[in-house]
Amino acid sequence: MAPAAAFSDSEDNLKATFSFLNCTLQHQRLNRKEWAQLEQQVRDWAEAFGDMSVEVDVLFQSNHRVLPTGAHVPSGFIKRIQFPDGSTKCFYFPNEDTLNKNWTQFEVACD
């Protein structure tokens, strides 16, 4: 779930993002809208504040969707961002059409 744009400092790093180890099934509108907007915001924060730590948890509820191919579709994602000063921001995105909400509406308390 590491965005290619965040690893464009070298060709090797960029190529490493294009791997099945770095992907999950994600609703296309989420991926192209709010999720992508938050990815851009994280790059902006990193440029302003310095290196940051970003973790993504892929969540599966007990009744999550399983495709005929056997692929499991995540129920949602939590993105945890740690700033250089130690503060954190967390965001929860359900894996569905987010109806063009603003990415800031998905901020949740970090546990």
N, C-alpha and C. Protein backbone atom coordinates (compact mmCIF):
# COMPACT_ATOMS: atom_id res chain seq x y z
N MET A 1 0.81 -1.18 0.00
CA MET A 1 0.00 0.00 0.00
C MET A 1 0.86 1.26 0.00
N ALA A 2 2.16 1.08 -0.25
CA ALA A 2 3.04 2.24 -0.36
C ALA A 2 2.86 2.88 -1.72
N PRO A 3 2.54 4.17 -1.76
CA PRO A 3 2.31 4.84 -3.04
C PRO A 3 3.61 5.03 -3.82
N ALA A 4 3.56 4.77 -5.10
CA ALA A 4 4.75 4.90 -5.95
C ALA A 4 5.34 6.30 -5.87
N ALA A 5 4.48 7.32 -5.84
CA ALA A 5 4.97 8.70 -5.82
C ALA A 5 5.82 9.00 -4.59
N ALA A 6 5.61 8.28 -3.50
CA ALA A 6 6.40 8.50 -2.29
C ALA A 6 7.76 7.81 -2.34
N PHE A 7 7.97 6.97 -3.36
CA PHE A 7 9.23 6.22 -3.47
C PHE A 7 9.89 6.46 -4.82
N SER A 8 9.73 7.66 -5.34
CA SER A 8 10.29 7.98 -6.66
C SER A 8 11.70 8.56 -6.57
N ASP A 9 12.34 8.42 -5.40
CA ASP A 9 13.70 8.95 -5.24
C ASP A 9 14.73 8.14 -6.00
N SER A 10 14.39 6.88 -6.32
CA SER A 10 15.31 6.08 -7.13
C SER A 10 14.48 5.10 -7.96
N GLU A 11 15.05 4.64 -9.05
CA GLU A 11 14.35 3.70 -9.92
C GLU A 11 14.07 2.39 -9.20
N ASP A 12 15.03 1.91 -8.39
CA ASP A 12 14.83 0.67 -7.64
C ASP A 12 13.68 0.79 -6.65
N ASN A 13 13.63 1.91 -5.91
CA ASN A 13 12.54 2.11 -4.95
C ASN A 13 11.19 2.19 -5.66
N LEU A 14 11.16 2.90 -6.77
CA LEU A 14 9.92 3.03 -7.52
C LEU A 14 9.45 1.67 -8.02
N LYS A 15 10.35 0.89 -8.61
CA LYS A 15 9.99 -0.44 -9.11
C LYS A 15 9.50 -1.36 -8.00
N ALA A 16 10.05 -1.21 -6.80
CA ALA A 16 9.66 -2.07 -5.68
C ALA A 16 8.20 -1.88 -5.28
N THR A 17 7.63 -0.72 -5.59
CA THR A 17 6.22 -0.49 -5.23
C THR A 17 5.27 -1.24 -6.16
N PHE A 18 5.74 -1.63 -7.34
CA PHE A 18 4.90 -2.35 -8.30
C PHE A 18 5.06 -3.85 -8.12
N SER A 19 4.51 -4.34 -7.03
CA SER A 19 4.62 -5.74 -6.64
C SER A 19 3.31 -6.17 -6.00
N PHE A 20 2.96 -7.44 -6.15
CA PHE A 20 1.77 -7.95 -5.49
C PHE A 20 1.91 -7.88 -3.97
N LEU A 21 3.12 -7.77 -3.47
CA LEU A 21 3.34 -7.64 -2.03
C LEU A 21 2.93 -6.25 -1.53
N ASN A 22 2.72 -5.33 -2.45
CA ASN A 22 2.40 -3.95 -2.10
C ASN A 22 0.99 -3.56 -2.57
N CYS A 23 0.09 -4.52 -2.61
CA CYS A 23 -1.25 -4.17 -3.09
C CYS A 23 -2.31 -4.94 -2.33
N THR A 24 -3.51 -4.43 -2.43
CA THR A 24 -4.69 -5.09 -1.89
C THR A 24 -5.88 -4.65 -2.72
N LEU A 25 -6.96 -5.39 -2.64
CA LEU A 25 -8.17 -5.01 -3.37
C LEU A 25 -8.80 -3.80 -2.67
N GLN A 26 -8.95 -2.72 -3.42
CA GLN A 26 -9.47 -1.48 -2.87
C GLN A 26 -10.51 -0.91 -3.83
N HIS A 27 -11.62 -0.42 -3.28
CA HIS A 27 -12.66 0.16 -4.12
C HIS A 27 -12.06 1.28 -4.97
N GLN A 28 -12.37 1.27 -6.27
CA GLN A 28 -11.72 2.21 -7.19
C GLN A 28 -11.99 3.67 -6.83
N ARG A 29 -13.16 4.01 -6.35
CA ARG A 29 -13.43 5.41 -6.01
C ARG A 29 -12.65 5.83 -4.77
N LEU A 30 -12.51 4.93 -3.81
CA LEU A 30 -11.70 5.24 -2.63
C LEU A 30 -10.25 5.45 -3.06
N ASN A 31 -9.73 4.55 -3.87
CA ASN A 31 -8.34 4.62 -4.31
C ASN A 31 -8.04 5.89 -5.09
N ARG A 32 -8.99 6.36 -5.87
CA ARG A 32 -8.76 7.53 -6.74
C ARG A 32 -9.18 8.83 -6.10
N LYS A 33 -9.86 8.78 -4.99
CA LYS A 33 -10.36 10.01 -4.36
C LYS A 33 -9.67 10.23 -3.00
N GLU A 34 -10.41 9.95 -1.93
CA GLU A 34 -9.95 10.31 -0.58
C GLU A 34 -8.63 9.66 -0.20
N TRP A 35 -8.44 8.40 -0.55
CA TRP A 35 -7.18 7.72 -0.23
C TRP A 35 -6.01 8.40 -0.94
N ALA A 36 -6.20 8.68 -2.22
CA ALA A 36 -5.15 9.35 -3.00
C ALA A 36 -4.89 10.76 -2.47
N GLN A 37 -5.95 11.45 -2.06
CA GLN A 37 -5.78 12.80 -1.51
C GLN A 37 -4.97 12.77 -0.22
N LEU A 38 -5.23 11.77 0.64
CA LEU A 38 -4.45 11.65 1.87
C LEU A 38 -3.00 11.29 1.54
N GLU A 39 -2.78 10.43 0.55
CA GLU A 39 -1.40 10.12 0.16
C GLU A 39 -0.66 11.40 -0.25
N GLN A 40 -1.32 12.26 -1.00
CA GLN A 40 -0.69 13.53 -1.39
C GLN A 40 -0.44 14.41 -0.17
N GLN A 41 -1.38 14.44 0.75
CA GLN A 41 -1.21 15.24 1.97
C GLN A 41 -0.01 14.74 2.77
N VAL A 42 0.17 13.43 2.87
CA VAL A 42 1.31 12.87 3.60
C VAL A 42 2.61 13.31 2.94
N ARG A 43 2.66 13.31 1.59
CA ARG A 43 3.87 13.79 0.91
C ARG A 43 4.11 15.27 1.20
N ASP A 44 3.04 16.05 1.25
CA ASP A 44 3.18 17.48 1.58
C ASP A 44 3.69 17.67 3.00
N TRP A 45 3.12 16.89 3.94
CA TRP A 45 3.60 16.97 5.33
C TRP A 45 5.06 16.56 5.43
N ALA A 46 5.46 15.51 4.72
CA ALA A 46 6.85 15.05 4.77
C ALA A 46 7.79 16.13 4.22
N GLU A 47 7.35 16.81 3.19
CA GLU A 47 8.18 17.89 2.63
C GLU A 47 8.30 19.04 3.64
N ALA A 48 7.24 19.32 4.35
CA ALA A 48 7.24 20.42 5.32
C ALA A 48 7.93 20.07 6.63
N PHE A 49 7.75 18.82 7.11
CA PHE A 49 8.21 18.46 8.45
C PHE A 49 9.36 17.46 8.50
N GLY A 50 9.63 16.76 7.41
CA GLY A 50 10.69 15.75 7.40
C GLY A 50 10.13 14.34 7.30
N ASP A 51 11.02 13.36 7.39
CA ASP A 51 10.64 11.96 7.25
C ASP A 51 9.55 11.58 8.24
N MET A 52 8.59 10.79 7.74
CA MET A 52 7.47 10.36 8.56
C MET A 52 7.35 8.84 8.46
N SER A 53 6.69 8.26 9.45
CA SER A 53 6.41 6.84 9.44
C SER A 53 4.93 6.66 9.11
N VAL A 54 4.65 5.79 8.14
CA VAL A 54 3.26 5.52 7.75
C VAL A 54 3.03 4.02 7.79
N GLU A 55 1.99 3.60 8.49
CA GLU A 55 1.61 2.19 8.56
C GLU A 55 0.18 2.07 8.08
N VAL A 56 -0.10 1.01 7.35
CA VAL A 56 -1.46 0.74 6.89
C VAL A 56 -1.86 -0.64 7.39
N ASP A 57 -2.97 -0.70 8.11
CA ASP A 57 -3.55 -1.97 8.53
C ASP A 57 -4.69 -2.30 7.58
N VAL A 58 -4.68 -3.50 7.03
CA VAL A 58 -5.73 -3.98 6.16
C VAL A 58 -6.67 -4.82 7.02
N LEU A 59 -7.94 -4.43 7.08
CA LEU A 59 -8.89 -5.05 8.00
C LEU A 59 -9.89 -5.95 7.27
N PHE A 60 -10.17 -7.10 7.87
CA PHE A 60 -11.13 -8.05 7.34
C PHE A 60 -12.15 -8.37 8.42
N GLN A 61 -13.42 -7.98 8.23
CA GLN A 61 -14.47 -8.37 9.15
C GLN A 61 -14.83 -9.83 8.87
N SER A 62 -15.49 -10.47 9.81
CA SER A 62 -15.80 -11.90 9.64
C SER A 62 -16.68 -12.16 8.42
N ASN A 63 -17.46 -11.18 8.01
CA ASN A 63 -18.34 -11.36 6.86
C ASN A 63 -17.81 -10.67 5.59
N HIS A 64 -16.49 -10.49 5.51
CA HIS A 64 -15.93 -9.79 4.35
C HIS A 64 -16.20 -10.58 3.06
N ARG A 65 -16.13 -9.85 1.97
CA ARG A 65 -16.44 -10.43 0.65
C ARG A 65 -15.29 -11.30 0.16
N VAL A 66 -15.64 -12.43 -0.41
CA VAL A 66 -14.66 -13.32 -1.04
C VAL A 66 -15.10 -13.48 -2.50
N LEU A 67 -14.23 -13.15 -3.42
CA LEU A 67 -14.53 -13.23 -4.84
C LEU A 67 -14.55 -14.68 -5.32
N PRO A 68 -15.20 -14.96 -6.45
CA PRO A 68 -15.21 -16.31 -6.99
C PRO A 68 -13.81 -16.88 -7.22
N THR A 69 -12.83 -16.01 -7.40
CA THR A 69 -11.45 -16.45 -7.60
C THR A 69 -10.78 -16.86 -6.29
N GLY A 70 -11.45 -16.59 -5.16
CA GLY A 70 -10.87 -16.90 -3.86
C GLY A 70 -10.20 -15.70 -3.22
N ALA A 71 -10.10 -14.58 -3.93
CA ALA A 71 -9.47 -13.38 -3.38
C ALA A 71 -10.37 -12.77 -2.30
N HIS A 72 -9.77 -12.40 -1.19
CA HIS A 72 -10.50 -11.79 -0.09
C HIS A 72 -10.44 -10.27 -0.22
N VAL A 73 -11.60 -9.63 -0.11
CA VAL A 73 -11.70 -8.18 -0.24
C VAL A 73 -11.71 -7.58 1.16
N PRO A 74 -10.74 -6.71 1.47
CA PRO A 74 -10.70 -6.10 2.81
C PRO A 74 -11.97 -5.30 3.10
N SER A 75 -12.32 -5.23 4.37
CA SER A 75 -13.47 -4.44 4.82
C SER A 75 -13.11 -2.97 4.96
N GLY A 76 -11.86 -2.70 5.26
CA GLY A 76 -11.42 -1.32 5.46
C GLY A 76 -9.93 -1.24 5.71
N PHE A 77 -9.48 0.00 5.92
CA PHE A 77 -8.06 0.27 6.09
C PHE A 77 -7.87 1.33 7.17
N ILE A 78 -6.84 1.15 7.97
CA ILE A 78 -6.43 2.19 8.92
C ILE A 78 -5.04 2.65 8.51
N LYS A 79 -4.90 3.95 8.33
CA LYS A 79 -3.60 4.54 8.01
C LYS A 79 -3.15 5.33 9.23
N ARG A 80 -1.98 4.97 9.76
CA ARG A 80 -1.39 5.60 10.95
C ARG A 80 -0.15 6.36 10.51
N ILE A 81 -0.15 7.65 10.78
CA ILE A 81 0.94 8.52 10.34
C ILE A 81 1.62 9.10 11.57
N GLN A 82 2.94 8.87 11.67
CA GLN A 82 3.69 9.45 12.78
C GLN A 82 4.58 10.55 12.24
N PHE A 83 4.45 11.72 12.84
CA PHE A 83 5.23 12.89 12.45
C PHE A 83 6.58 12.88 13.14
N PRO A 84 7.54 13.65 12.63
CA PRO A 84 8.87 13.67 13.24
C PRO A 84 8.87 14.08 14.71
N ASP A 85 7.87 14.87 15.14
CA ASP A 85 7.82 15.28 16.55
C ASP A 85 7.18 14.23 17.45
N GLY A 86 6.80 13.07 16.88
CA GLY A 86 6.21 11.98 17.66
C GLY A 86 4.68 11.99 17.68
N SER A 87 4.06 13.05 17.22
CA SER A 87 2.60 13.08 17.18
C SER A 87 2.10 12.15 16.07
N THR A 88 0.85 11.71 16.21
CA THR A 88 0.29 10.80 15.22
C THR A 88 -1.10 11.26 14.78
N LYS A 89 -1.45 10.86 13.58
CA LYS A 89 -2.79 11.03 13.04
C LYS A 89 -3.20 9.67 12.48
N CYS A 90 -4.47 9.30 12.68
CA CYS A 90 -4.98 8.04 12.18
C CYS A 90 -6.25 8.27 11.38
N PHE A 91 -6.43 7.46 10.36
CA PHE A 91 -7.58 7.57 9.48
C PHE A 91 -8.12 6.18 9.22
N TYR A 92 -9.46 6.05 9.29
CA TYR A 92 -10.12 4.79 8.95
C TYR A 92 -10.96 5.01 7.70
N PHE A 93 -10.74 4.17 6.69
CA PHE A 93 -11.50 4.22 5.46
C PHE A 93 -12.19 2.88 5.25
N PRO A 94 -13.53 2.88 5.15
CA PRO A 94 -14.19 1.64 4.76
C PRO A 94 -13.86 1.37 3.30
N ASN A 95 -13.79 0.14 2.91
CA ASN A 95 -13.44 -0.23 1.53
C ASN A 95 -14.71 -0.20 0.68
N GLU A 96 -15.17 1.01 0.41
CA GLU A 96 -16.40 1.20 -0.36
C GLU A 96 -16.37 2.58 -0.99
N ASP A 97 -17.38 2.87 -1.78
CA ASP A 97 -17.50 4.19 -2.38
C ASP A 97 -17.66 5.19 -1.24
N THR A 98 -16.76 6.14 -1.13
CA THR A 98 -16.77 7.09 -0.03
C THR A 98 -17.61 8.32 -0.34
N LEU A 99 -18.31 8.30 -1.46
CA LEU A 99 -19.28 9.34 -1.81
C LEU A 99 -18.67 10.74 -1.85
N ASN A 100 -17.43 10.80 -2.30
CA ASN A 100 -16.74 12.09 -2.47
C ASN A 100 -16.66 12.92 -1.20
N LYS A 101 -16.48 12.25 -0.08
CA LYS A 101 -16.25 12.97 1.17
C LYS A 101 -14.84 13.54 1.14
N ASN A 102 -14.57 14.47 2.01
CA ASN A 102 -13.22 15.01 2.16
C ASN A 102 -12.41 14.02 3.00
N TRP A 103 -11.15 13.81 2.64
CA TRP A 103 -10.31 12.84 3.36
C TRP A 103 -10.22 13.15 4.84
N THR A 104 -10.38 14.42 5.23
CA THR A 104 -10.27 14.79 6.64
C THR A 104 -11.42 14.20 7.46
N GLN A 105 -12.53 13.85 6.82
CA GLN A 105 -13.69 13.29 7.51
C GLN A 105 -13.43 11.87 8.01
N PHE A 106 -12.33 11.27 7.60
CA PHE A 106 -12.02 9.89 7.98
C PHE A 106 -11.02 9.80 9.13
N GLU A 107 -10.65 10.95 9.69
CA GLU A 107 -9.71 10.93 10.83
C GLU A 107 -10.39 10.33 12.05
N VAL A 108 -9.67 9.45 12.73
CA VAL A 108 -10.16 8.79 13.94
C VAL A 108 -9.09 8.90 15.02
N ALA A 109 -9.47 8.60 16.25
CA ALA A 109 -8.51 8.59 17.34
C ALA A 109 -7.54 7.44 17.14
N CYS A 110 -6.29 7.67 17.41
CA CYS A 110 -5.28 6.62 17.32
C CYS A 110 -5.33 5.81 18.62
N ASP A 111 -5.39 4.50 18.50
CA ASP A 111 -5.43 3.64 19.69
C ASP A 111 -4.06 3.22 20.10
